Protein backbone atom coordinates (compact mmCIF):
# COMPACT_ATOMS: atom_id res chain seq x y z
CA UNK A 1 6.38 -26.51 19.56
CA UNK A 2 2.67 -28.30 20.12
CA UNK A 3 4.82 -31.30 21.86
CA UNK A 4 7.74 -31.73 19.20
CA UNK A 5 10.68 -30.04 19.22
CA UNK A 6 11.37 -27.32 16.15
CA UNK A 7 14.70 -26.39 14.84
CA UNK A 8 14.50 -22.42 14.52
CA UNK A 9 16.23 -19.71 13.53
CA UNK A 10 17.21 -16.54 15.48
CA UNK A 11 17.40 -13.03 14.89
CA UNK A 12 19.06 -10.62 16.85
CA UNK A 13 20.16 -6.96 16.76
CA UNK A 14 22.04 -5.14 19.36
CA UNK A 15 22.47 -1.52 20.13
CA UNK A 16 26.28 -0.73 20.26
CA UNK A 17 25.66 2.31 22.56
CA UNK A 18 22.94 1.08 25.21
CA UNK A 19 23.53 -2.36 25.01
CA UNK A 20 19.72 -3.21 24.32
CA UNK A 21 18.89 -5.89 22.42
CA UNK A 22 15.84 -7.58 19.86
CA UNK A 23 15.25 -11.07 19.30
CA UNK A 24 13.31 -13.17 17.38
CA UNK A 25 12.44 -16.45 15.99
CA UNK A 26 11.98 -17.86 12.66
CA UNK A 27 11.13 -21.26 10.94
CA UNK A 28 13.60 -20.43 8.30
CA UNK A 29 16.18 -17.25 8.03
CA UNK A 30 14.51 -16.25 4.40
CA UNK A 31 15.55 -12.49 3.25
CA UNK A 32 12.01 -11.64 3.54
CA UNK A 33 12.09 -12.66 6.94
CA UNK A 34 15.66 -11.41 7.62
CA UNK A 35 13.91 -7.93 6.28
CA UNK A 36 10.71 -8.14 8.61
CA UNK A 37 12.70 -8.43 11.96
CA UNK A 38 14.19 -5.55 10.97
CA UNK A 39 11.20 -3.21 10.53
CA UNK A 40 9.84 -4.57 13.86
CA UNK A 41 13.77 -3.99 15.77
CA UNK A 42 13.00 -0.25 14.54
CA UNK A 43 9.46 -0.16 16.08
CA UNK A 44 11.17 -1.88 19.33
CA UNK A 45 13.66 0.75 19.69
CA UNK A 46 11.72 3.53 18.46
CA UNK A 47 13.97 4.77 15.24
CA UNK A 48 16.18 3.35 12.89
CA UNK A 49 20.16 3.18 13.42
CA UNK A 50 22.24 5.41 11.39
CA UNK A 51 24.90 2.59 10.56
CA UNK A 52 24.04 -1.43 11.02
CA UNK A 53 27.55 -3.92 10.77
CA UNK A 54 26.40 -6.98 9.38
CA UNK A 55 27.70 -10.81 8.38
CA UNK A 56 28.28 -11.42 4.95
CA UNK A 57 25.31 -13.13 5.10
CA UNK A 58 23.56 -13.95 1.56
CA UNK A 59 20.10 -12.30 2.72
CA UNK A 60 22.37 -8.74 2.05
CA UNK A 61 25.30 -10.18 0.26
CA UNK A 62 25.15 -11.25 -3.14
CA UNK A 63 29.13 -11.51 -3.68
CA UNK A 64 32.25 -10.50 -1.63
CA UNK A 65 34.81 -8.02 -3.39
CA UNK A 66 37.47 -6.74 -2.27
CA UNK A 67 38.57 -5.17 0.78
CA UNK A 68 35.37 -4.17 1.96
CA UNK A 69 33.55 -3.76 -0.92
CA UNK A 70 30.32 -5.96 -1.27
CA UNK A 71 28.09 -6.36 -4.12
CA UNK A 72 24.58 -6.50 -2.40
CA UNK A 73 21.09 -7.22 -3.13
CA UNK A 74 18.97 -5.58 -4.90
CA UNK A 75 16.05 -6.15 -2.13
CA UNK A 76 18.56 -5.18 0.45
CA UNK A 77 19.69 -2.02 -1.16
CA UNK A 78 15.93 -1.27 -1.47
CA UNK A 79 15.21 -2.27 1.74
CA UNK A 80 18.09 0.52 3.40
CA UNK A 81 17.25 2.86 0.97
CA UNK A 82 13.85 3.02 2.27
CA UNK A 83 14.93 3.43 5.36
CA UNK A 84 17.99 5.90 4.97
CA UNK A 85 20.70 3.57 6.66
CA UNK A 86 23.99 2.71 5.85
CA UNK A 87 25.26 -0.95 6.18
CA UNK A 88 28.65 -2.44 6.71
CA UNK A 89 29.80 -5.83 6.74
CA UNK A 90 32.51 -7.52 8.65
CA UNK A 91 35.60 -9.73 6.66
CA UNK A 92 34.87 -13.22 6.28
CA UNK A 93 35.31 -15.21 9.57
CA UNK A 94 35.92 -12.39 11.97
CA UNK A 95 32.91 -12.51 14.02
CA UNK A 96 35.34 -10.55 16.41
CA UNK A 97 34.52 -7.48 14.84
CA UNK A 98 31.15 -7.57 15.99
CA UNK A 99 31.62 -9.11 19.23
CA UNK A 100 28.61 -7.26 21.33
CA UNK A 101 26.17 -8.94 19.28
CA UNK A 102 27.93 -12.88 19.17
CA UNK A 103 28.18 -12.03 22.88
CA UNK A 104 24.44 -10.88 23.26
CA UNK A 105 23.71 -13.96 21.59
CA UNK A 106 25.45 -16.50 23.61
CA UNK A 107 24.06 -14.58 26.97
CA UNK A 108 20.58 -14.54 25.82
CA UNK A 109 20.47 -18.43 25.20
CA UNK A 110 22.18 -19.27 28.73
CA UNK A 111 19.82 -16.95 30.67
CA UNK A 112 16.51 -17.60 28.35
CA UNK A 113 16.66 -20.70 26.06
CA UNK A 114 18.45 -23.36 28.82
CA UNK A 115 16.41 -25.21 29.29
CA UNK A 116 14.69 -25.16 25.99
CA UNK A 117 11.54 -23.45 26.72
CA UNK A 118 8.03 -24.74 25.56
CA UNK A 119 5.07 -23.02 23.34
CA UNK A 120 2.30 -23.94 21.18
CA UNK A 121 3.28 -21.91 18.50
CA UNK A 122 5.44 -19.88 17.13
CA UNK A 123 3.74 -16.37 17.22
CA UNK A 124 3.29 -17.32 21.17
CA UNK A 125 7.11 -17.98 21.42
CA UNK A 126 7.85 -14.17 19.72
CA UNK A 127 5.69 -12.77 22.24
CA UNK A 128 7.53 -14.45 25.37
CA UNK A 129 10.72 -13.28 23.14
CA UNK A 130 9.81 -9.75 22.91
CA UNK A 131 8.76 -9.64 27.17
CA UNK A 132 12.07 -11.05 27.86
CA UNK A 133 13.87 -8.16 25.71
CA UNK A 134 12.29 -5.49 27.91
CA UNK A 135 13.07 -7.51 31.10
CA UNK A 136 16.48 -7.34 30.18
CA UNK A 137 16.52 -3.83 30.09
CA UNK A 138 16.72 -3.69 33.51
CA UNK A 139 20.02 -5.18 33.73
CA UNK A 140 23.20 -3.54 34.51
CA UNK A 141 26.27 -4.31 32.06
CA UNK A 142 29.76 -4.79 33.88
CA UNK A 143 31.51 -1.52 33.84
CA UNK A 144 28.69 0.90 33.48
CA UNK A 145 26.94 3.05 35.82
CA UNK A 146 23.37 3.39 33.85
CA UNK A 147 21.59 0.29 33.50
CA UNK A 148 20.21 -0.62 29.64
CA UNK A 149 17.19 1.06 29.59
CA UNK A 150 18.41 4.35 30.68
CA UNK A 151 21.30 4.14 28.19
CA UNK A 152 18.63 3.53 25.56
CA UNK A 153 16.95 6.36 26.56
CA UNK A 154 19.84 8.72 25.40
CA UNK A 155 20.36 6.49 22.61
CA UNK A 156 16.89 6.52 21.01
CA UNK A 157 17.60 10.34 20.51
CA UNK A 158 19.98 9.67 18.11
CA UNK A 159 18.31 7.53 16.09
CA UNK A 160 16.51 8.46 12.60
CA UNK A 161 12.77 8.79 12.30
CA UNK A 162 11.07 5.91 10.53
CA UNK A 163 9.38 6.60 7.39
CA UNK A 164 5.63 7.20 7.60
CA UNK A 165 5.28 4.14 5.34
CA UNK A 166 6.63 0.78 5.77
CA UNK A 167 8.29 -1.05 3.22
CA UNK A 168 6.38 -4.20 1.16
CA UNK A 169 8.25 -7.04 2.12
CA UNK A 170 6.14 -9.59 0.14
CA UNK A 171 8.20 -11.42 -2.60
CA UNK A 172 5.75 -11.42 -5.49
CA UNK A 173 5.02 -13.98 -8.28
CA UNK A 174 2.63 -14.37 -10.91
CA UNK A 175 1.65 -17.74 -11.54
CA UNK A 176 -1.03 -19.90 -13.35
CA UNK A 177 -3.55 -21.84 -11.74
CA UNK A 178 -3.66 -25.69 -12.76
CA UNK A 179 -5.91 -28.25 -13.51
CA UNK A 180 -6.07 -28.84 -9.68
CA UNK A 181 -6.53 -25.29 -8.77
CA UNK A 182 -3.78 -24.72 -7.32
CA UNK A 183 -0.60 -22.08 -7.74
CA UNK A 184 3.00 -23.33 -7.94
CA UNK A 185 5.22 -20.92 -5.83
CA UNK A 186 8.96 -22.15 -5.72
CA UNK A 187 8.56 -25.79 -5.39
CA UNK A 188 5.07 -26.48 -3.28
CA UNK A 189 1.52 -26.33 -4.70
CA UNK A 190 -1.02 -24.32 -2.57
CA UNK A 191 -4.56 -24.54 -3.26
CA UNK A 192 -6.73 -21.70 -4.61
CA UNK A 193 -10.75 -21.11 -5.41
CA UNK A 194 -10.11 -19.83 -8.67
CA UNK A 195 -10.74 -21.56 -12.21
CA UNK A 196 -7.72 -23.01 -13.99
CA UNK A 197 -5.67 -20.73 -16.49
CA UNK A 198 -6.42 -18.26 -14.20
CA UNK A 199 -3.44 -15.37 -13.59
CA UNK A 200 -3.18 -15.06 -9.93
CA UNK A 201 -0.51 -12.78 -7.89
CA UNK A 202 0.96 -14.46 -5.21
CA UNK A 203 2.50 -12.81 -2.31
CA UNK A 204 5.31 -14.61 -0.02
CA UNK A 205 5.36 -13.63 3.29
CA UNK A 206 8.28 -15.28 5.80
CA UNK A 207 4.98 -17.15 7.76
CA UNK A 208 2.04 -16.97 5.12
CA UNK A 209 1.33 -17.62 1.49
CA UNK A 210 -1.35 -15.07 -0.07
CA UNK A 211 -3.33 -15.44 -3.36
CA UNK A 212 -4.58 -12.47 -4.96
CA UNK A 213 -6.93 -11.95 -7.71
CA UNK A 214 -8.76 -8.84 -9.37
CA UNK A 215 -7.10 -6.78 -6.32
CA UNK A 216 -8.46 -8.75 -3.59
CA UNK A 217 -7.15 -11.72 -1.37
CA UNK A 218 -9.24 -15.17 -2.30
CA UNK A 219 -6.71 -17.52 -0.33
CA UNK A 220 -4.33 -17.56 2.69
CA UNK A 221 -2.28 -20.14 3.39
CA UNK A 222 0.83 -20.77 6.06
CA UNK A 223 4.11 -20.94 4.41
CA UNK A 224 5.40 -24.42 3.80
CA UNK A 225 9.40 -24.77 4.14
CA UNK A 226 9.50 -28.16 2.91
CA UNK A 227 10.23 -29.05 -0.69
CA UNK A 228 7.56 -30.64 -3.51
CA UNK A 229 4.68 -30.65 -1.23
CA UNK A 230 0.80 -29.92 -1.66
CA UNK A 231 -1.03 -27.81 0.58
CA UNK A 232 -5.14 -27.71 0.45
CA UNK A 233 -7.62 -25.97 1.77
CA UNK A 234 -11.20 -28.21 2.18
CA UNK A 235 -13.37 -24.77 1.56
CA UNK A 236 -11.78 -24.24 -2.13
CA UNK A 237 -12.91 -27.62 -2.84
CA UNK A 238 -16.76 -27.30 -1.83
CA UNK A 239 -18.45 -26.28 -5.45
CA UNK A 240 -16.37 -29.00 -7.02
CA UNK A 241 -17.18 -31.80 -4.16
CA UNK A 242 -20.77 -30.61 -3.91
CA UNK A 243 -21.51 -31.76 -7.50
CA UNK A 244 -19.14 -34.66 -6.54
CA UNK A 245 -20.44 -36.00 -3.25
CA UNK A 246 -18.72 -39.31 -3.60
CA UNK A 247 -15.10 -37.84 -3.79
CA UNK A 248 -15.70 -35.89 -0.64
CA UNK A 249 -14.70 -39.12 1.61
CA UNK A 250 -11.07 -39.52 0.09
CA UNK A 251 -10.36 -35.99 -1.07
CA UNK A 252 -6.92 -34.98 -0.24
CA UNK A 253 -7.99 -31.34 1.42
CA UNK A 254 -10.27 -33.48 3.85
CA UNK A 255 -7.39 -35.76 4.73
CA UNK A 256 -4.94 -32.37 5.44
CA UNK A 257 -7.88 -31.13 7.56
CA UNK A 258 -7.79 -34.15 9.72
CA UNK A 259 -3.89 -34.27 10.17
CA UNK A 260 -4.05 -30.37 11.05
CA UNK A 261 -7.17 -31.27 13.47
CA UNK A 262 -9.72 -28.75 11.80
CA UNK A 263 -11.93 -31.17 10.69
CA UNK A 264 -12.70 -33.24 14.45
CA UNK A 265 -14.71 -36.26 15.40
CA UNK A 266 -17.73 -34.00 16.16
CA UNK A 267 -17.81 -33.24 12.19
CA UNK A 268 -17.70 -37.03 11.92
CA UNK A 269 -20.26 -37.80 14.02
CA UNK A 270 -23.26 -35.02 12.23
CA UNK A 271 -21.74 -36.29 8.65
CA UNK A 272 -22.22 -40.08 10.03
CA UNK A 273 -26.42 -38.86 11.13
CA UNK A 274 -26.66 -36.81 8.13
CA UNK A 275 -25.95 -39.58 5.89
CA UNK A 276 -27.61 -42.37 7.71
CA UNK A 277 -30.98 -40.57 7.50
CA UNK A 278 -30.72 -38.64 4.22
CA UNK A 279 -28.46 -41.28 2.00
CA UNK A 280 -24.65 -40.87 1.23
CA UNK A 281 -24.94 -38.12 -1.31
CA UNK A 282 -27.58 -35.81 -0.17
CA UNK A 283 -25.87 -36.33 3.52
CA UNK A 284 -22.72 -35.33 2.43
CA UNK A 285 -24.04 -32.17 0.60
CA UNK A 286 -25.70 -31.37 3.43
CA UNK A 287 -22.59 -31.63 5.22
CA UNK A 288 -20.79 -28.91 2.33
CA UNK A 289 -23.67 -26.81 2.75
CA UNK A 290 -22.71 -26.40 6.65
CA UNK A 291 -19.34 -25.68 5.68
CA UNK A 292 -20.24 -23.07 3.57
CA UNK A 293 -21.60 -21.43 6.75
CA UNK A 294 -18.54 -22.44 8.50
CA UNK A 295 -16.63 -20.27 6.15
CA UNK A 296 -18.70 -17.29 6.66
CA UNK A 297 -18.83 -18.06 10.87
CA UNK A 298 -15.65 -19.43 11.34
CA UNK A 299 -15.36 -23.47 12.18
CA UNK A 300 -14.89 -23.22 15.58
CA UNK A 301 -18.10 -21.62 16.39
CA UNK A 302 -19.72 -23.88 13.78
CA UNK A 303 -17.69 -27.23 16.10
CA UNK A 304 -19.02 -25.69 19.07
CA UNK A 305 -23.10 -25.78 17.31
CA UNK A 306 -22.53 -29.17 16.49
CA UNK A 307 -21.57 -30.55 19.62
CA UNK A 308 -24.58 -28.26 20.99
CA UNK A 309 -27.11 -30.20 18.73
CA UNK A 310 -25.65 -33.68 19.45
CA UNK A 311 -26.11 -32.61 23.16
CA UNK A 312 -29.71 -31.71 22.49
CA UNK A 313 -30.38 -34.64 20.80
CA UNK A 314 -30.88 -33.66 17.11
CA UNK A 315 -28.23 -34.10 13.62
CA UNK A 316 -30.16 -32.07 11.59
CA UNK A 317 -28.35 -28.86 9.32
CA UNK A 318 -31.62 -26.91 10.09
CA UNK A 319 -31.03 -27.37 14.17
CA UNK A 320 -27.01 -26.13 13.38
CA UNK A 321 -27.74 -23.12 11.61
CA UNK A 322 -30.86 -22.31 14.48
CA UNK A 323 -27.71 -22.49 16.92
CA UNK A 324 -25.40 -20.45 15.06
CA UNK A 325 -27.80 -17.83 14.32
CA UNK A 326 -28.63 -18.13 17.92
CA UNK A 327 -24.91 -17.61 19.28
CA UNK A 328 -25.21 -14.09 16.86
CA UNK A 329 -28.41 -13.07 18.63
CA UNK A 330 -26.55 -14.07 21.76
CA UNK A 331 -23.56 -11.83 21.23
CA UNK A 332 -26.23 -8.80 20.23
CA UNK A 333 -27.81 -9.50 23.18
CA UNK A 334 -24.77 -8.76 24.94
CA UNK A 335 -23.51 -5.42 23.42
CA UNK A 336 -27.15 -4.33 23.85
CA UNK A 337 -27.06 -5.31 27.69
CA UNK A 338 -30.19 -7.34 26.92
CA UNK A 339 -31.36 -10.55 28.62
CA UNK A 340 -29.42 -13.60 27.41
CA UNK A 341 -31.43 -16.83 26.27
CA UNK A 342 -30.91 -19.84 27.49
CA UNK A 343 -30.40 -22.90 25.43
CA UNK A 344 -32.40 -24.67 27.66
CA UNK A 345 -34.96 -22.20 28.18
CA UNK A 346 -35.00 -21.44 24.22
CA UNK A 347 -35.34 -25.59 23.76
CA UNK A 348 -35.08 -27.79 26.26
CA UNK A 349 -35.08 -30.78 23.44
CA UNK A 350 -34.22 -29.67 19.49
CA UNK A 351 -35.13 -33.26 18.60
CA UNK A 352 -38.98 -32.69 19.09
CA UNK A 353 -38.78 -29.81 16.53
CA UNK A 354 -36.97 -32.11 13.71
CA UNK A 355 -37.87 -35.37 14.35
CA UNK A 356 -42.14 -35.26 14.63
CA UNK A 357 -43.79 -38.57 12.98
CA UNK A 358 -45.74 -38.11 10.26
CA UNK A 359 -49.39 -36.92 10.32
CA UNK A 360 -52.08 -39.19 9.40
CA UNK A 361 -54.50 -38.06 6.64
CA UNK A 362 -57.32 -40.78 7.26
CA UNK A 363 -58.91 -38.64 9.84
CA UNK A 364 -59.40 -35.57 7.25
CA UNK A 365 -61.60 -37.36 4.52
CA UNK A 366 -64.78 -37.17 6.84
CA UNK A 367 -64.35 -33.76 7.03
CA UNK A 368 -63.51 -33.13 3.46
CA UNK A 369 -66.48 -35.13 1.99
CA UNK A 370 -68.85 -32.84 4.79
CA UNK A 371 -67.11 -29.74 3.56
CA UNK A 372 -67.92 -30.48 -0.25
CA UNK A 373 -71.43 -31.58 0.29
CA UNK A 374 -71.85 -28.57 2.35
CA UNK A 375 -70.24 -26.11 0.03
CA UNK A 376 -72.67 -28.04 -3.14
CA UNK A 377 -76.06 -26.91 -1.20
CA UNK A 378 -74.66 -23.03 -0.21
CA UNK A 379 -73.67 -22.74 -4.20
CA UNK A 380 -77.22 -24.11 -5.43
CA UNK A 381 -78.97 -21.53 -2.95
CA UNK A 382 -77.17 -18.49 -4.14
């Protein structure tokens, strides 16, 4: 993904009667991912199977007891109780007891994952996997007269209806915000805009980490599966960096944004122009002011406005904000079927609006003296 080889783990649920299967990929096979994949599979099949057969995976089994008895994990018990199905488990090291899904994994890998496909993100891969699952419904399994899709029609009639409310998949914890404005989740630190010693509510999902305070979300990060990492977002530190602009250049949040590609060369170019014109401190504060606008409208839109401003020959905050507002007006014009205003028609050269020479006031001295004399004479006459 993204040009680099990525190790992924796959979830597969196969219907025994029709042979239809649902596949989904995750970065890690966590319990939250395991339960989320069940919900998506139930959505795909259009109902809940009355009985599901599993390996003795840790997401569902806490301890293997004698015979077929298992001590299941608390969240797995709550999950299957919510959806009302029965869970059964194979004997240890007995994959042949669920040979249908074992064979499905091999068939799907040979037909769809060889050679290894390339995608930009995990979301794109999962969208493609879902399309391939639907395409596989047209195939015929050897020895059966009906296609997989036709068999699935009859099988859906025997499925349990889904409950009206979904199961809350998130793992929750309530850490304190530390002196750096971060919360510790498992072994990693995630930045927040909250004050130190604030009690936050953290929801841990398969692909993201949500931070809540006072009943509302205040921060969201992509979940990191490495250990002892620090995950920062620059927008959480704008207030601090505005008071201490000298720390902006060497800050860890800015460094992470550069690595992630969120801070591009256009931002650096504008920042250099602002510092050259207004000084390092004020130029940095003006850049922070623009980042606040980017937080409101989106950083990609801000980047495009900066590109347009530099192309038009200006590097001022007011010009970038003007172009951002112009884009909003253009979208309003499109929704209201109004004629669109072109950049060239509106401002062929924005630099003349923001870089005008200072006026010479010496020529007004004579007019000012004449005005004073005339005014005094009028007062005497009156």
